């Protein structure tokens, strides 16, 4: 057992202490650019645990984002972490910790809430059968979508588009989905709260 723990410490670059799930589980998603470090996911899981949350899994994505700093669209590998977080301050703190650790311009979070919750000002939109190249072209051509939505991700295995947007921008999201070749009537919508954690 000791050798296993030592191995985990070496992999994570420090001490890894197994942690129980948070006493209160608020389902959430976190989107972050995935770098080329083969231990990226392991290191991120450790940071998430040390912040007081738990990663219940993750999904590799192809992301297309509008950089407010560079004023241009970038395409990059990203990863969606499925989280169990006790509260919003913990979610913000772990997003800031990951942004700093991996030198990110921004990290996006979305925590699920009932549709009628006072803080449910955002939606997670998932649309099947959307091609990454078509989505990239649609985003590049739509300046309003770039500014308001700031990008989106496509799960490469399923060709599922994921957009996280304010509820006030649902019409913009609908237009972008159509421009990318997706069907809005096939979309699934979940309500919650989003935050771009930026430096």
Protein backbone atom coordinates (compact mmCIF):
# COMPACT_ATOMS: atom_id res chain seq x y z
CA UNK A 1 0.00 0.00 0.00
CA UNK A 2 2.82 2.40 0.87
CA UNK A 3 4.41 1.90 -2.57
CA UNK A 4 1.09 2.73 -4.26
CA UNK A 5 0.78 5.98 -2.30
CA UNK A 6 4.36 6.92 -3.08
CA UNK A 7 3.68 6.29 -6.77
CA UNK A 8 0.68 8.59 -6.69
CA UNK A 9 2.76 11.27 -4.96
CA UNK A 10 5.38 11.06 -7.71
CA UNK A 11 2.77 11.23 -10.49
CA UNK A 12 1.10 14.31 -9.07
CA UNK A 13 4.31 16.07 -8.18
CA UNK A 14 3.44 16.19 -4.49
CA UNK A 15 1.32 14.60 -1.79
CA UNK A 16 -1.97 13.09 -2.95
CA UNK A 17 -4.45 12.49 -0.18
CA UNK A 18 -7.58 10.50 -1.02
CA UNK A 19 -10.60 12.64 -0.21
CA UNK A 20 -14.24 11.86 0.37
CA UNK A 21 -16.85 13.51 -1.85
CA UNK A 22 -17.95 16.95 -0.62
CA UNK A 23 -20.76 16.74 1.97
CA UNK A 24 -22.98 18.77 -0.37
CA UNK A 25 -22.76 17.92 -4.05
CA UNK A 26 -23.61 20.69 -6.51
CA UNK A 27 -23.16 19.27 -10.05
CA UNK A 28 -21.05 21.55 -12.21
CA UNK A 29 -18.89 21.62 -15.33
CA UNK A 30 -15.49 23.23 -15.84
CA UNK A 31 -13.96 23.89 -19.26
CA UNK A 32 -10.21 24.39 -19.57
CA UNK A 33 -7.63 24.25 -22.35
CA UNK A 34 -5.86 20.88 -22.30
CA UNK A 35 -2.10 21.21 -22.70
CA UNK A 36 0.30 18.55 -23.96
CA UNK A 37 1.35 17.39 -20.48
CA UNK A 38 0.46 13.66 -20.26
CA UNK A 39 -0.25 14.16 -16.55
CA UNK A 40 -2.57 17.13 -17.15
CA UNK A 41 -5.76 15.36 -16.08
CA UNK A 42 -4.15 13.81 -12.99
CA UNK A 43 -2.66 17.13 -11.88
CA UNK A 44 -5.99 18.89 -12.45
CA UNK A 45 -7.85 16.23 -10.44
CA UNK A 46 -5.45 16.79 -7.53
CA UNK A 47 -5.98 20.57 -7.61
CA UNK A 48 -9.76 20.09 -7.73
CA UNK A 49 -9.63 17.77 -4.70
CA UNK A 50 -7.40 20.14 -2.73
CA UNK A 51 -9.91 22.94 -3.40
CA UNK A 52 -12.63 20.90 -1.70
CA UNK A 53 -14.48 19.53 -4.73
CA UNK A 54 -14.35 16.25 -6.64
CA UNK A 55 -14.02 15.39 -10.32
CA UNK A 56 -16.44 12.62 -11.25
CA UNK A 57 -15.03 12.33 -14.78
CA UNK A 58 -13.90 14.36 -17.77
CA UNK A 59 -14.44 14.58 -21.52
CA UNK A 60 -11.87 15.65 -24.14
CA UNK A 61 -13.20 18.34 -26.47
CA UNK A 62 -12.21 20.38 -29.50
CA UNK A 63 -12.73 24.02 -28.59
CA UNK A 64 -13.09 27.17 -30.67
CA UNK A 65 -12.79 30.36 -28.64
CA UNK A 66 -12.70 34.11 -29.10
CA UNK A 67 -9.74 35.57 -27.22
CA UNK A 68 -10.56 39.02 -25.86
CA UNK A 69 -6.86 39.55 -25.19
CA UNK A 70 -5.65 38.57 -28.68
CA UNK A 71 -8.80 39.73 -30.48
CA UNK A 72 -8.85 36.60 -32.60
CA UNK A 73 -10.43 33.16 -32.78
CA UNK A 74 -8.34 30.22 -31.59
CA UNK A 75 -8.89 26.47 -31.98
CA UNK A 76 -7.48 24.26 -29.27
CA UNK A 77 -7.91 21.01 -27.42
CA UNK A 78 -9.87 21.41 -24.24
CA UNK A 79 -11.31 19.25 -21.50
CA UNK A 80 -14.63 19.35 -19.68
CA UNK A 81 -14.38 18.26 -16.05
CA UNK A 82 -17.60 16.98 -14.49
CA UNK A 83 -17.56 18.19 -10.91
CA UNK A 84 -19.21 17.71 -7.57
CA UNK A 85 -18.71 21.03 -5.76
CA UNK A 86 -20.10 22.08 -2.37
CA UNK A 87 -20.87 25.68 -3.37
CA UNK A 88 -20.20 28.54 -5.81
CA UNK A 89 -17.22 30.04 -3.91
CA UNK A 90 -15.45 26.66 -4.02
CA UNK A 91 -16.13 26.37 -7.75
CA UNK A 92 -14.69 29.85 -8.35
CA UNK A 93 -11.64 29.14 -6.18
CA UNK A 94 -10.76 25.89 -7.95
CA UNK A 95 -11.24 27.52 -11.37
CA UNK A 96 -8.84 30.29 -10.38
CA UNK A 97 -6.37 27.71 -9.03
CA UNK A 98 -6.46 25.76 -12.31
CA UNK A 99 -6.20 28.94 -14.39
CA UNK A 100 -3.06 29.94 -12.50
CA UNK A 101 -1.56 26.44 -12.39
CA UNK A 102 -1.85 25.88 -16.14
CA UNK A 103 -1.32 29.50 -17.25
CA UNK A 104 -4.76 29.88 -18.84
CA UNK A 105 -6.26 33.10 -20.17
CA UNK A 106 -9.68 32.02 -18.87
CA UNK A 107 -11.50 29.05 -17.36
CA UNK A 108 -15.26 28.62 -17.83
CA UNK A 109 -17.52 27.13 -15.16
CA UNK A 110 -21.19 26.18 -15.21
CA UNK A 111 -23.09 24.96 -12.17
CA UNK A 112 -26.53 23.44 -12.65
CA UNK A 113 -29.52 25.11 -11.02
CA UNK A 114 -33.31 24.78 -11.25
CA UNK A 115 -34.73 26.89 -14.08
CA UNK A 116 -36.60 29.13 -11.63
CA UNK A 117 -33.61 29.69 -9.31
CA UNK A 118 -32.74 33.40 -8.86
CA UNK A 119 -29.15 32.84 -10.06
CA UNK A 120 -30.07 30.69 -13.08
CA UNK A 121 -29.00 33.28 -15.64
CA UNK A 122 -27.23 30.87 -18.02
CA UNK A 123 -27.85 27.74 -20.04
CA UNK A 124 -25.82 24.79 -21.25
CA UNK A 125 -26.91 23.91 -24.78
CA UNK A 126 -25.91 20.57 -26.32
CA UNK A 127 -26.66 19.89 -29.98
CA UNK A 128 -25.95 16.57 -31.76
CA UNK A 129 -24.40 16.12 -35.20
CA UNK A 130 -22.42 19.36 -35.51
CA UNK A 131 -19.13 19.30 -37.41
CA UNK A 132 -16.21 21.17 -35.81
CA UNK A 133 -15.15 22.87 -39.06
CA UNK A 134 -18.68 24.11 -39.72
CA UNK A 135 -18.94 25.45 -36.18
CA UNK A 136 -15.59 27.22 -36.49
CA UNK A 137 -16.65 28.86 -39.77
CA UNK A 138 -19.98 29.93 -38.29
CA UNK A 139 -18.34 31.49 -35.23
CA UNK A 140 -15.71 33.33 -37.30
CA UNK A 141 -18.47 34.78 -39.49
CA UNK A 142 -20.71 35.92 -36.62
CA UNK A 143 -19.21 38.84 -34.72
CA UNK A 144 -22.13 39.02 -32.28
CA UNK A 145 -21.78 35.35 -31.37
CA UNK A 146 -18.03 35.77 -30.90
CA UNK A 147 -18.56 38.69 -28.55
CA UNK A 148 -21.54 37.34 -26.60
CA UNK A 149 -20.89 33.57 -26.49
CA UNK A 150 -17.09 33.69 -26.84
CA UNK A 151 -16.92 30.21 -28.33
CA UNK A 152 -17.97 26.64 -27.85
CA UNK A 153 -16.77 23.05 -27.92
CA UNK A 154 -17.43 19.91 -29.92
CA UNK A 155 -17.04 16.41 -28.49
CA UNK A 156 -15.04 14.73 -31.29
CA UNK A 157 -16.37 11.22 -30.75
CA UNK A 158 -20.07 12.14 -30.77
CA UNK A 159 -19.93 15.39 -32.82
CA UNK A 160 -21.94 17.08 -30.07
CA UNK A 161 -21.74 20.87 -29.84
CA UNK A 162 -21.65 22.41 -26.35
CA UNK A 163 -22.47 26.08 -25.81
CA UNK A 164 -22.55 27.83 -22.43
CA UNK A 165 -24.37 31.14 -22.71
CA UNK A 166 -26.46 33.67 -20.82
CA UNK A 167 -30.21 33.13 -21.11
CA UNK A 168 -30.44 36.58 -22.70
CA UNK A 169 -28.32 35.29 -25.60
CA UNK A 170 -30.39 32.22 -26.46
CA UNK A 171 -31.42 33.78 -29.77
CA UNK A 172 -27.74 34.28 -30.63
CA UNK A 173 -27.02 30.66 -29.72
CA UNK A 174 -29.95 29.46 -31.82
CA UNK A 175 -28.70 31.41 -34.84
CA UNK A 176 -25.15 30.11 -34.41
CA UNK A 177 -26.35 26.50 -34.17
CA UNK A 178 -28.32 26.91 -37.39
CA UNK A 179 -25.36 28.56 -39.14
CA UNK A 180 -23.17 25.62 -38.05
CA UNK A 181 -25.57 23.11 -39.60
CA UNK A 182 -27.18 21.96 -36.36
CA UNK A 183 -30.87 21.50 -35.57
CA UNK A 184 -32.14 23.66 -32.72
CA UNK A 185 -35.14 21.39 -32.22
CA UNK A 186 -32.70 18.59 -31.33
CA UNK A 187 -30.92 20.70 -28.68
CA UNK A 188 -30.93 19.86 -24.98
CA UNK A 189 -30.95 22.83 -22.59
CA UNK A 190 -29.94 22.85 -18.91
CA UNK A 191 -30.15 25.91 -16.67
CA UNK A 192 -27.59 27.23 -14.24
CA UNK A 193 -24.94 29.85 -13.60
CA UNK A 194 -21.79 30.46 -15.66
CA UNK A 195 -18.58 32.32 -14.92
CA UNK A 196 -15.51 33.13 -16.97
CA UNK A 197 -12.64 33.17 -14.46
CA UNK A 198 -10.00 35.38 -16.05
CA UNK A 199 -6.64 36.81 -15.09
